[in-house]
PDB file of all heavy atoms in Angstrom:
ATOM      1  N   ALA A   1      12.660  67.911 -58.913  1.00  0.00           N
ATOM      2  CA  ALA A   1      11.929  68.908 -58.280  1.00  0.00           C
ATOM      3  C   ALA A   1      10.600  68.357 -57.802  1.00  0.00           C
ATOM      4  O   ALA A   1       9.997  68.825 -56.809  1.00  0.00           O
ATOM      5  CB  ALA A   1      11.709  70.089 -59.212  1.00  0.00           C
ATOM      6  N   ALA A   2      10.034  67.376 -58.507  1.00  0.00           N
ATOM      7  CA  ALA A   2       8.738  66.781 -58.210  1.00  0.00           C
ATOM      8  C   ALA A   2       8.761  65.777 -57.073  1.00  0.00           C
ATOM      9  O   ALA A   2       7.691  65.404 -56.483  1.00  0.00           O
ATOM     10  CB  ALA A   2       8.056  66.146 -59.435  1.00  0.00           C
ATOM     11  N   MET A   3       9.950  65.316 -56.722  1.00  0.00           N
ATOM     12  CA  MET A   3      10.071  64.171 -55.759  1.00  0.00           C
ATOM     13  C   MET A   3       9.487  64.569 -54.411  1.00  0.00           C
ATOM     14  O   MET A   3       8.625  63.861 -53.868  1.00  0.00           O
ATOM     15  CB  MET A   3      11.485  63.774 -55.613  1.00  0.00           C
ATOM     16  CG  MET A   3      12.040  62.938 -56.814  1.00  0.00           C
ATOM     17  SD  MET A   3      11.066  61.395 -57.087  1.00  0.00           S
ATOM     18  CE  MET A   3      11.656  60.494 -55.560  1.00  0.00           C
ATOM     19  N   PHE A   4      10.010  65.631 -53.753  1.00  0.00           N
ATOM     20  CA  PHE A   4       9.552  66.065 -52.427  1.00  0.00           C
ATOM     21  C   PHE A   4       8.118  66.456 -52.442  1.00  0.00           C
ATOM     22  O   PHE A   4       7.367  66.141 -51.405  1.00  0.00           O
ATOM     23  CB  PHE A   4      10.532  67.067 -51.849  1.00  0.00           C
ATOM     24  CG  PHE A   4      11.796  66.592 -51.350  1.00  0.00           C
ATOM     25  CD1 PHE A   4      12.865  67.337 -51.098  1.00  0.00           C
ATOM     26  CD2 PHE A   4      11.977  65.199 -51.074  1.00  0.00           C
ATOM     27  CE1 PHE A   4      14.076  66.910 -50.620  1.00  0.00           C
ATOM     28  CE2 PHE A   4      13.241  64.690 -50.653  1.00  0.00           C
ATOM     29  CZ  PHE A   4      14.215  65.502 -50.381  1.00  0.00           C
ATOM     30  N   PRO A   5       7.664  67.376 -53.255  1.00  0.00           N
ATOM     31  CA  PRO A   5       6.271  67.691 -53.264  1.00  0.00           C
ATOM     32  C   PRO A   5       5.323  66.507 -53.365  1.00  0.00           C
ATOM     33  O   PRO A   5       4.272  66.421 -52.659  1.00  0.00           O
ATOM     34  CB  PRO A   5       6.060  68.658 -54.471  1.00  0.00           C
ATOM     35  CG  PRO A   5       7.460  69.302 -54.670  1.00  0.00           C
ATOM     36  CD  PRO A   5       8.429  68.150 -54.344  1.00  0.00           C
ATOM     37  N   GLY A   6       5.684  65.543 -54.276  1.00  0.00           N
ATOM     38  CA  GLY A   6       4.802  64.407 -54.454  1.00  0.00           C
ATOM     39  C   GLY A   6       4.779  63.502 -53.286  1.00  0.00           C
ATOM     40  O   GLY A   6       3.784  62.993 -52.799  1.00  0.00           O
ATOM     41  N   LEU A   7       5.993  63.251 -52.663  1.00  0.00           N
ATOM     42  CA  LEU A   7       6.110  62.394 -51.387  1.00  0.00           C
ATOM     43  C   LEU A   7       5.422  63.200 -50.269  1.00  0.00           C
ATOM     44  O   LEU A   7       4.824  62.471 -49.391  1.00  0.00           O
ATOM     45  CB  LEU A   7       7.493  62.070 -51.127  1.00  0.00           C
ATOM     46  CG  LEU A   7       8.267  61.229 -52.147  1.00  0.00           C
ATOM     47  CD1 LEU A   7       9.710  60.975 -51.780  1.00  0.00           C
ATOM     48  CD2 LEU A   7       7.557  59.778 -52.206  1.00  0.00           C
ATOM     49  N   LEU A   8       5.506  64.485 -50.240  1.00  0.00           N
ATOM     50  CA  LEU A   8       4.889  65.269 -49.155  1.00  0.00           C
ATOM     51  C   LEU A   8       3.382  65.074 -49.205  1.00  0.00           C
ATOM     52  O   LEU A   8       2.719  64.859 -48.212  1.00  0.00           O
ATOM     53  CB  LEU A   8       5.278  66.700 -49.218  1.00  0.00           C
ATOM     54  CG  LEU A   8       4.484  67.710 -48.361  1.00  0.00           C
ATOM     55  CD1 LEU A   8       4.840  67.524 -46.966  1.00  0.00           C
ATOM     56  CD2 LEU A   8       4.754  69.113 -48.803  1.00  0.00           C
ATOM     57  N   LEU A   9       2.848  65.131 -50.450  1.00  0.00           N
ATOM     58  CA  LEU A   9       1.376  64.995 -50.650  1.00  0.00           C
ATOM     59  C   LEU A   9       0.914  63.578 -50.248  1.00  0.00           C
ATOM     60  O   LEU A   9      -0.019  63.431 -49.516  1.00  0.00           O
ATOM     61  CB  LEU A   9       0.981  65.315 -52.048  1.00  0.00           C
ATOM     62  CG  LEU A   9      -0.421  65.508 -52.393  1.00  0.00           C
ATOM     63  CD1 LEU A   9      -1.001  66.669 -51.541  1.00  0.00           C
ATOM     64  CD2 LEU A   9      -0.542  65.889 -53.812  1.00  0.00           C
ATOM     65  N   GLY A  10       1.666  62.614 -50.660  1.00  0.00           N
ATOM     66  CA  GLY A  10       1.305  61.171 -50.190  1.00  0.00           C
ATOM     67  C   GLY A  10       1.409  61.004 -48.791  1.00  0.00           C
ATOM     68  O   GLY A  10       0.589  60.395 -48.127  1.00  0.00           O
ATOM     69  N   GLY A  11       2.421  61.601 -48.124  1.00  0.00           N
ATOM     70  CA  GLY A  11       2.605  61.581 -46.669  1.00  0.00           C
ATOM     71  C   GLY A  11       1.482  62.289 -45.907  1.00  0.00           C
ATOM     72  O   GLY A  11       0.956  61.724 -44.909  1.00  0.00           O
ATOM     73  N   ILE A  12       1.018  63.390 -46.411  1.00  0.00           N
ATOM     74  CA  ILE A  12      -0.162  64.053 -45.861  1.00  0.00           C
ATOM     75  C   ILE A  12      -1.372  63.192 -45.926  1.00  0.00           C
ATOM     76  O   ILE A  12      -2.165  63.097 -44.935  1.00  0.00           O
ATOM     77  CB  ILE A  12      -0.415  65.453 -46.525  1.00  0.00           C
ATOM     78  CG1 ILE A  12       0.779  66.385 -46.208  1.00  0.00           C
ATOM     79  CG2 ILE A  12      -1.631  66.055 -46.095  1.00  0.00           C
ATOM     80  CD1 ILE A  12       0.758  67.680 -46.939  1.00  0.00           C
ATOM     81  N   TYR A  13      -1.571  62.519 -47.027  1.00  0.00           N
ATOM     82  CA  TYR A  13      -2.727  61.656 -47.083  1.00  0.00           C
ATOM     83  C   TYR A  13      -2.692  60.555 -45.988  1.00  0.00           C
ATOM     84  O   TYR A  13      -3.665  60.222 -45.435  1.00  0.00           O
ATOM     85  CB  TYR A  13      -2.776  60.917 -48.481  1.00  0.00           C
ATOM     86  CG  TYR A  13      -3.069  61.837 -49.620  1.00  0.00           C
ATOM     87  CD1 TYR A  13      -2.809  61.418 -51.046  1.00  0.00           C
ATOM     88  CD2 TYR A  13      -3.581  63.044 -49.541  1.00  0.00           C
ATOM     89  CE1 TYR A  13      -3.010  62.183 -52.095  1.00  0.00           C
ATOM     90  CE2 TYR A  13      -3.948  63.877 -50.635  1.00  0.00           C
ATOM     91  CZ  TYR A  13      -3.564  63.403 -51.937  1.00  0.00           C
ATOM     92  OH  TYR A  13      -3.885  64.233 -52.979  1.00  0.00           O
ATOM     93  N   ILE A  14      -1.504  59.967 -45.868  1.00  0.00           N
ATOM     94  CA  ILE A  14      -1.409  58.901 -44.858  1.00  0.00           C
ATOM     95  C   ILE A  14      -1.619  59.377 -43.509  1.00  0.00           C
ATOM     96  O   ILE A  14      -2.344  58.769 -42.672  1.00  0.00           O
ATOM     97  CB  ILE A  14       0.026  58.224 -45.040  1.00  0.00           C
ATOM     98  CG1 ILE A  14       0.138  57.381 -46.437  1.00  0.00           C
ATOM     99  CG2 ILE A  14       0.286  57.220 -43.956  1.00  0.00           C
ATOM    100  CD1 ILE A  14       1.469  56.850 -46.662  1.00  0.00           C
ATOM    101  N   VAL A  15      -1.114  60.518 -43.071  1.00  0.00           N
ATOM    102  CA  VAL A  15      -1.260  61.106 -41.804  1.00  0.00           C
ATOM    103  C   VAL A  15      -2.747  61.441 -41.586  1.00  0.00           C
ATOM    104  O   VAL A  15      -3.249  61.125 -40.485  1.00  0.00           O
ATOM    105  CB  VAL A  15      -0.402  62.385 -41.759  1.00  0.00           C
ATOM    106  CG1 VAL A  15      -0.756  63.165 -40.412  1.00  0.00           C
ATOM    107  CG2 VAL A  15       1.003  62.093 -41.622  1.00  0.00           C
ATOM    108  N   TYR A  16      -3.415  61.933 -42.549  1.00  0.00           N
ATOM    109  CA  TYR A  16      -4.858  62.100 -42.504  1.00  0.00           C
ATOM    110  C   TYR A  16      -5.700  60.885 -42.201  1.00  0.00           C
ATOM    111  O   TYR A  16      -6.471  60.806 -41.306  1.00  0.00           O
ATOM    112  CB  TYR A  16      -5.428  62.828 -43.777  1.00  0.00           C
ATOM    113  CG  TYR A  16      -6.860  62.847 -43.859  1.00  0.00           C
ATOM    114  CD1 TYR A  16      -7.664  63.716 -43.048  1.00  0.00           C
ATOM    115  CD2 TYR A  16      -7.511  62.111 -44.788  1.00  0.00           C
ATOM    116  CE1 TYR A  16      -9.028  63.714 -43.161  1.00  0.00           C
ATOM    117  CE2 TYR A  16      -8.944  62.046 -44.857  1.00  0.00           C
ATOM    118  CZ  TYR A  16      -9.695  62.931 -44.072  1.00  0.00           C
ATOM    119  OH  TYR A  16     -10.970  62.924 -44.212  1.00  0.00           O
ATOM    120  N   LEU A  17      -5.313  59.776 -42.937  1.00  0.00           N
ATOM    121  CA  LEU A  17      -5.986  58.530 -42.736  1.00  0.00           C
ATOM    122  C   LEU A  17      -5.751  57.964 -41.383  1.00  0.00           C
ATOM    123  O   LEU A  17      -6.664  57.442 -40.718  1.00  0.00           O
ATOM    124  CB  LEU A  17      -5.530  57.533 -43.853  1.00  0.00           C
ATOM    125  CG  LEU A  17      -6.010  57.906 -45.298  1.00  0.00           C
ATOM    126  CD1 LEU A  17      -5.345  57.027 -46.320  1.00  0.00           C
ATOM    127  CD2 LEU A  17      -7.531  57.813 -45.377  1.00  0.00           C
ATOM    128  N   LEU A  18      -4.460  58.134 -40.869  1.00  0.00           N
ATOM    129  CA  LEU A  18      -4.177  57.656 -39.506  1.00  0.00           C
ATOM    130  C   LEU A  18      -4.999  58.444 -38.489  1.00  0.00           C
ATOM    131  O   LEU A  18      -5.506  57.912 -37.546  1.00  0.00           O
ATOM    132  CB  LEU A  18      -2.666  57.779 -39.280  1.00  0.00           C
ATOM    133  CG  LEU A  18      -1.753  56.797 -39.944  1.00  0.00           C
ATOM    134  CD1 LEU A  18      -0.323  57.170 -39.739  1.00  0.00           C
ATOM    135  CD2 LEU A  18      -2.019  55.380 -39.363  1.00  0.00           C
ATOM    136  N   GLY A  19      -5.155  59.754 -38.776  1.00  0.00           N
ATOM    137  CA  GLY A  19      -5.967  60.592 -37.852  1.00  0.00           C
ATOM    138  C   GLY A  19      -7.470  60.213 -37.862  1.00  0.00           C
ATOM    139  O   GLY A  19      -8.056  60.186 -36.825  1.00  0.00           O
ATOM    140  N   VAL A  20      -7.955  59.927 -39.048  1.00  0.00           N
ATOM    141  CA  VAL A  20      -9.328  59.483 -39.109  1.00  0.00           C
ATOM    142  C   VAL A  20      -9.541  58.214 -38.311  1.00  0.00           C
ATOM    143  O   VAL A  20     -10.606  57.966 -37.612  1.00  0.00           O
ATOM    144  CB  VAL A  20      -9.847  59.355 -40.581  1.00  0.00           C
ATOM    145  CG1 VAL A  20     -11.201  58.715 -40.667  1.00  0.00           C
ATOM    146  CG2 VAL A  20      -9.821  60.673 -41.252  1.00  0.00           C
ATOM    147  N   GLY A  21      -8.618  57.326 -38.465  1.00  0.00           N
ATOM    148  CA  GLY A  21      -8.646  56.024 -37.694  1.00  0.00           C
ATOM    149  C   GLY A  21      -8.611  56.183 -36.207  1.00  0.00           C
ATOM    150  O   GLY A  21      -9.212  55.349 -35.494  1.00  0.00           O
ATOM    151  N   ILE A  22      -7.925  57.274 -35.737  1.00  0.00           N
ATOM    152  CA  ILE A  22      -7.946  57.582 -34.262  1.00  0.00           C
ATOM    153  C   ILE A  22      -9.227  58.287 -33.841  1.00  0.00           C
ATOM    154  O   ILE A  22      -9.867  57.864 -32.803  1.00  0.00           O
ATOM    155  CB  ILE A  22      -6.685  58.447 -33.882  1.00  0.00           C
ATOM    156  CG1 ILE A  22      -5.347  57.640 -34.204  1.00  0.00           C
ATOM    157  CG2 ILE A  22      -6.732  58.861 -32.474  1.00  0.00           C
ATOM    158  CD1 ILE A  22      -4.138  58.447 -34.118  1.00  0.00           C
ATOM    159  N   VAL A  23      -9.692  59.212 -34.591  1.00  0.00           N
ATOM    160  CA  VAL A  23     -10.759  60.007 -34.262  1.00  0.00           C
ATOM    161  C   VAL A  23     -12.190  59.302 -34.475  1.00  0.00           C
ATOM    162  O   VAL A  23     -13.057  59.351 -33.741  1.00  0.00           O
ATOM    163  CB  VAL A  23     -10.817  61.343 -35.010  1.00  0.00           C
ATOM    164  CG1 VAL A  23     -12.074  62.185 -34.664  1.00  0.00           C
ATOM    165  CG2 VAL A  23      -9.591  62.216 -34.585  1.00  0.00           C
ATOM    166  N   SER A  24     -12.277  58.722 -35.663  1.00  0.00           N
ATOM    167  CA  SER A  24     -13.511  58.040 -36.047  1.00  0.00           C
ATOM    168  C   SER A  24     -13.167  56.569 -36.565  1.00  0.00           C
ATOM    169  O   SER A  24     -13.247  56.266 -37.793  1.00  0.00           O
ATOM    170  CB  SER A  24     -14.183  58.758 -37.143  1.00  0.00           C
ATOM    171  OG  SER A  24     -14.473  60.086 -36.799  1.00  0.00           O
ATOM    172  N   PRO A  25     -12.789  55.656 -35.684  1.00  0.00           N
ATOM    173  CA  PRO A  25     -12.384  54.303 -36.102  1.00  0.00           C
ATOM    174  C   PRO A  25     -13.532  53.554 -36.756  1.00  0.00           C
ATOM    175  O   PRO A  25     -13.296  52.625 -37.489  1.00  0.00           O
ATOM    176  CB  PRO A  25     -11.986  53.626 -34.816  1.00  0.00           C
ATOM    177  CG  PRO A  25     -12.617  54.466 -33.754  1.00  0.00           C
ATOM    178  CD  PRO A  25     -12.648  55.855 -34.189  1.00  0.00           C
ATOM    179  N   GLN A  26     -14.801  53.918 -36.502  1.00  0.00           N
ATOM    180  CA  GLN A  26     -15.882  53.264 -37.186  1.00  0.00           C
ATOM    181  C   GLN A  26     -15.963  53.515 -38.692  1.00  0.00           C
ATOM    182  O   GLN A  26     -16.552  52.648 -39.463  1.00  0.00           O
ATOM    183  CB  GLN A  26     -17.227  53.671 -36.484  1.00  0.00           C
ATOM    184  CG  GLN A  26     -17.683  55.060 -36.828  1.00  0.00           C
ATOM    185  CD  GLN A  26     -17.010  56.205 -35.986  1.00  0.00           C
ATOM    186  OE1 GLN A  26     -16.103  55.795 -35.088  1.00  0.00           O
ATOM    187  NE2 GLN A  26     -17.448  57.370 -36.112  1.00  0.00           N
ATOM    188  N   LYS A  27     -15.306  54.529 -39.169  1.00  0.00           N
ATOM    189  CA  LYS A  27     -15.307  54.870 -40.587  1.00  0.00           C
ATOM    190  C   LYS A  27     -14.398  53.951 -41.290  1.00  0.00           C
ATOM    191  O   LYS A  27     -14.549  53.716 -42.526  1.00  0.00           O
ATOM    192  CB  LYS A  27     -14.974  56.308 -40.883  1.00  0.00           C
ATOM    193  CG  LYS A  27     -16.050  57.315 -40.430  1.00  0.00           C
ATOM    194  CD  LYS A  27     -15.641  58.711 -40.871  1.00  0.00           C
ATOM    195  CE  LYS A  27     -16.801  59.684 -40.603  1.00  0.00           C
ATOM    196  NZ  LYS A  27     -16.447  60.992 -41.126  1.00  0.00           N
ATOM    197  N   ILE A  28     -13.323  53.493 -40.574  1.00  0.00           N
ATOM    198  CA  ILE A  28     -12.291  52.593 -41.249  1.00  0.00           C
ATOM    199  C   ILE A  28     -11.961  51.464 -40.324  1.00  0.00           C
ATOM    200  O   ILE A  28     -10.964  51.458 -39.688  1.00  0.00           O
ATOM    201  CB  ILE A  28     -11.056  53.390 -41.694  1.00  0.00           C
ATOM    202  CG1 ILE A  28     -10.614  54.421 -40.625  1.00  0.00           C
ATOM    203  CG2 ILE A  28     -11.224  54.153 -42.961  1.00  0.00           C
ATOM    204  CD1 ILE A  28      -9.370  55.158 -41.001  1.00  0.00           C
ATOM    205  N   PRO A  29     -12.929  50.473 -40.206  1.00  0.00           N
ATOM    206  CA  PRO A  29     -12.731  49.479 -39.248  1.00  0.00           C
ATOM    207  C   PRO A  29     -11.655  48.476 -39.586  1.00  0.00           C
ATOM    208  O   PRO A  29     -11.220  48.400 -40.731  1.00  0.00           O
ATOM    209  CB  PRO A  29     -14.200  48.746 -39.273  1.00  0.00           C
ATOM    210  CG  PRO A  29     -14.644  48.971 -40.629  1.00  0.00           C
ATOM    211  CD  PRO A  29     -14.134  50.347 -41.028  1.00  0.00           C
ATOM    212  N   LEU A  30     -11.267  47.709 -38.640  1.00  0.00           N
ATOM    213  CA  LEU A  30     -10.249  46.662 -38.831  1.00  0.00           C
ATOM    214  C   LEU A  30     -10.959  45.456 -39.563  1.00  0.00           C
ATOM    215  O   LEU A  30     -12.084  45.177 -39.330  1.00  0.00           O
ATOM    216  CB  LEU A  30      -9.656  46.142 -37.450  1.00  0.00           C
ATOM    217  CG  LEU A  30      -8.869  47.170 -36.652  1.00  0.00           C
ATOM    218  CD1 LEU A  30      -8.507  46.599 -35.270  1.00  0.00           C
ATOM    219  CD2 LEU A  30      -7.539  47.465 -37.463  1.00  0.00           C
ATOM    220  N   PRO A  31     -10.121  44.704 -40.242  1.00  0.00           N
ATOM    221  CA  PRO A  31     -10.696  43.480 -40.924  1.00  0.00           C
ATOM    222  C   PRO A  31     -11.058  42.384 -39.856  1.00  0.00           C
ATOM    223  O   PRO A  31     -10.461  42.456 -38.758  1.00  0.00           O
ATOM    224  CB  PRO A  31      -9.627  43.058 -41.896  1.00  0.00           C
ATOM    225  CG  PRO A  31      -8.363  43.603 -41.240  1.00  0.00           C
ATOM    226  CD  PRO A  31      -8.748  44.936 -40.569  1.00  0.00           C
ATOM    227  N   GLU A  32     -11.849  41.487 -40.224  1.00  0.00           N
ATOM    228  CA  GLU A  32     -12.210  40.474 -39.218  1.00  0.00           C
ATOM    229  C   GLU A  32     -11.079  39.535 -38.868  1.00  0.00           C
ATOM    230  O   GLU A  32     -10.863  39.173 -37.737  1.00  0.00           O
ATOM    231  CB  GLU A  32     -13.441  39.525 -39.796  1.00  0.00           C
ATOM    232  CG  GLU A  32     -14.694  40.380 -39.992  1.00  0.00           C
ATOM    233  CD  GLU A  32     -15.808  39.560 -40.483  1.00  0.00           C
ATOM    234  OE1 GLU A  32     -15.589  38.394 -40.835  1.00  0.00           O
ATOM    235  OE2 GLU A  32     -16.892  40.109 -40.703  1.00  0.00           O
ATOM    236  N   ASN A  33     -10.322  39.083 -39.921  1.00  0.00           N
ATOM    237  CA  ASN A  33      -9.221  38.176 -39.721  1.00  0.00           C
ATOM    238  C   ASN A  33      -7.968  38.978 -39.923  1.00  0.00           C
ATOM    239  O   ASN A  33      -7.542  39.267 -41.090  1.00  0.00           O
ATOM    240  CB  ASN A  33      -9.262  37.044 -40.654  1.00  0.00           C
ATOM    241  CG  ASN A  33     -10.572  36.190 -40.452  1.00  0.00           C
ATOM    242  OD1 ASN A  33     -10.911  35.894 -39.295  1.00  0.00           O
ATOM    243  ND2 ASN A  33     -11.242  35.787 -41.527  1.00  0.00           N
ATOM    244  N   VAL A  34      -7.297  39.298 -38.808  1.00  0.00           N
ATOM    245  CA  VAL A  34      -6.033  40.091 -38.861  1.00  0.00           C
ATOM    246  C   VAL A  34      -4.795  39.081 -38.705  1.00  0.00           C
ATOM    247  O   VAL A  34      -4.708  38.371 -37.744  1.00  0.00           O
ATOM    248  CB  VAL A  34      -5.985  41.092 -37.703  1.00  0.00           C
ATOM    249  CG1 VAL A  34      -4.669  41.911 -37.832  1.00  0.00           C
ATOM    250  CG2 VAL A  34      -7.218  42.026 -37.805  1.00  0.00           C
ATOM    251  N   ARG A  35      -4.018  39.156 -39.760  1.00  0.00           N
ATOM    252  CA  ARG A  35      -2.826  38.248 -39.690  1.00  0.00           C
ATOM    253  C   ARG A  35      -1.765  38.852 -38.912  1.00  0.00           C
ATOM    254  O   ARG A  35      -1.522  40.063 -38.814  1.00  0.00           O
ATOM    255  CB  ARG A  35      -2.357  38.125 -41.197  1.00  0.00           C
ATOM    256  CG  ARG A  35      -1.198  37.112 -41.280  1.00  0.00           C
ATOM    257  CD  ARG A  35      -0.864  36.972 -42.726  1.00  0.00           C
ATOM    258  NE  ARG A  35       0.404  36.146 -42.887  1.00  0.00           N
ATOM    259  CZ  ARG A  35       1.026  35.940 -44.111  1.00  0.00           C
ATOM    260  NH1 ARG A  35       0.436  36.317 -45.204  1.00  0.00           N
ATOM    261  NH2 ARG A  35       2.134  35.234 -44.174  1.00  0.00           N
ATOM    262  N   LYS A  36      -1.077  37.931 -38.080  1.00  0.00           N
ATOM    263  CA  LYS A  36      -0.047  38.374 -37.257  1.00  0.00           C
ATOM    264  C   LYS A  36       1.238  38.779 -38.062  1.00  0.00           C
ATOM    265  O   LYS A  36       1.553  38.126 -39.031  1.00  0.00           O
ATOM    266  CB  LYS A  36       0.336  37.231 -36.269  1.00  0.00           C
ATOM    267  CG  LYS A  36       1.424  37.645 -35.263  1.00  0.00           C
ATOM    268  CD  LYS A  36       1.759  36.392 -34.415  1.00  0.00           C
ATOM    269  CE  LYS A  36       2.918  36.755 -33.468  1.00  0.00           C
ATOM    270  NZ  LYS A  36       3.299  35.601 -32.658  1.00  0.00           N
ATOM    271  N   VAL A  37       1.802  39.875 -37.617  1.00  0.00           N
ATOM    272  CA  VAL A  37       3.038  40.380 -38.349  1.00  0.00           C
ATOM    273  C   VAL A  37       4.233  39.616 -37.851  1.00  0.00           C
ATOM    274  O   VAL A  37       4.570  39.588 -36.654  1.00  0.00           O
ATOM    275  CB  VAL A  37       3.145  41.882 -38.125  1.00  0.00           C
ATOM    276  CG1 VAL A  37       4.507  42.337 -38.814  1.00  0.00           C
ATOM    277  CG2 VAL A  37       2.033  42.719 -38.622  1.00  0.00           C
ATOM    278  N   ASP A  38       4.785  38.818 -38.767  1.00  0.00           N
ATOM    279  CA  ASP A  38       5.995  38.074 -38.397  1.00  0.00           C
ATOM    280  C   ASP A  38       6.993  38.132 -39.536  1.00  0.00           C
ATOM    281  O   ASP A  38       6.752  38.902 -40.545  1.00  0.00           O
ATOM    282  CB  ASP A  38       5.609  36.627 -38.115  1.00  0.00           C
ATOM    283  CG  ASP A  38       4.832  35.978 -39.227  1.00  0.00           C
ATOM    284  OD1 ASP A  38       4.914  36.560 -40.371  1.00  0.00           O
ATOM    285  OD2 ASP A  38       4.127  34.990 -39.009  1.00  0.00           O
ATOM    286  N   TRP A  39       8.150  37.514 -39.408  1.00  0.00           N
ATOM    287  CA  TRP A  39       9.166  37.603 -40.415  1.00  0.00           C
ATOM    288  C   TRP A  39       8.727  37.080 -41.756  1.00  0.00           C
ATOM    289  O   TRP A  39       9.158  37.491 -42.820  1.00  0.00           O
ATOM    290  CB  TRP A  39      10.413  36.917 -39.928  1.00  0.00           C
ATOM    291  CG  TRP A  39      11.167  37.603 -38.842  1.00  0.00           C
ATOM    292  CD1 TRP A  39      11.198  37.275 -37.470  1.00  0.00           C
ATOM    293  CD2 TRP A  39      11.834  38.866 -38.920  1.00  0.00           C
ATOM    294  NE1 TRP A  39      11.955  38.220 -36.781  1.00  0.00           N
ATOM    295  CE2 TRP A  39      12.297  39.254 -37.757  1.00  0.00           C
ATOM    296  CE3 TRP A  39      12.031  39.755 -40.017  1.00  0.00           C
ATOM    297  CZ2 TRP A  39      12.947  40.390 -37.472  1.00  0.00           C
ATOM    298  CZ3 TRP A  39      12.791  40.977 -39.775  1.00  0.00           C
ATOM    299  CH2 TRP A  39      13.263  41.222 -38.508  1.00  0.00           C
ATOM    300  N   ARG A  40       7.857  36.083 -41.729  1.00  0.00           N
ATOM    301  CA  ARG A  40       7.403  35.513 -42.936  1.00  0.00           C
ATOM    302  C   ARG A  40       6.506  36.554 -43.731  1.00  0.00           C
ATOM    303  O   ARG A  40       6.654  36.615 -44.962  1.00  0.00           O
ATOM    304  CB  ARG A  40       6.519  34.214 -42.612  1.00  0.00           C
ATOM    305  CG  ARG A  40       5.968  33.567 -43.872  1.00  0.00           C
ATOM    306  CD  ARG A  40       5.201  32.323 -43.520  1.00  0.00           C
ATOM    307  NE  ARG A  40       4.675  31.626 -44.755  1.00  0.00           N
ATOM    308  CZ  ARG A  40       3.923  30.555 -44.664  1.00  0.00           C
ATOM    309  NH1 ARG A  40       3.653  30.022 -43.480  1.00  0.00           N
ATOM    310  NH2 ARG A  40       3.500  30.037 -45.778  1.00  0.00           N
ATOM    311  N   LEU A  41       5.669  37.241 -42.992  1.00  0.00           N
ATOM    312  CA  LEU A  41       4.886  38.297 -43.612  1.00  0.00           C
ATOM    313  C   LEU A  41       5.743  39.369 -44.253  1.00  0.00           C
ATOM    314  O   LEU A  41       5.559  39.915 -45.356  1.00  0.00           O
ATOM    315  CB  LEU A  41       3.877  38.839 -42.638  1.00  0.00           C
ATOM    316  CG  LEU A  41       3.059  40.050 -43.148  1.00  0.00           C
ATOM    317  CD1 LEU A  41       2.228  39.680 -44.442  1.00  0.00           C
ATOM    318  CD2 LEU A  41       2.077  40.617 -42.046  1.00  0.00           C
ATOM    319  N   ILE A  42       6.732  39.823 -43.398  1.00  0.00           N
ATOM    320  CA  ILE A  42       7.618  40.847 -43.787  1.00  0.00           C
ATOM    321  C   ILE A  42       8.344  40.404 -45.131  1.00  0.00           C
ATOM    322  O   ILE A  42       8.611  41.199 -46.072  1.00  0.00           O
ATOM    323  CB  ILE A  42       8.695  41.256 -42.751  1.00  0.00           C
ATOM    324  CG1 ILE A  42       7.845  41.828 -41.555  1.00  0.00           C
ATOM    325  CG2 ILE A  42       9.766  42.179 -43.286  1.00  0.00           C
ATOM    326  CD1 ILE A  42       8.744  42.042 -40.331  1.00  0.00           C
TER     327      ILE A  42
END
């Protein structure tokens, strides 16, 4: 019974953080050295 409510709550947090990144990117800036996503990183 706790699985969906818990995952829903975690998902809402992530959507909120993505929204803040779009609306106010200065609050959560990108790191200076961004590593390229490749198969090795995955």
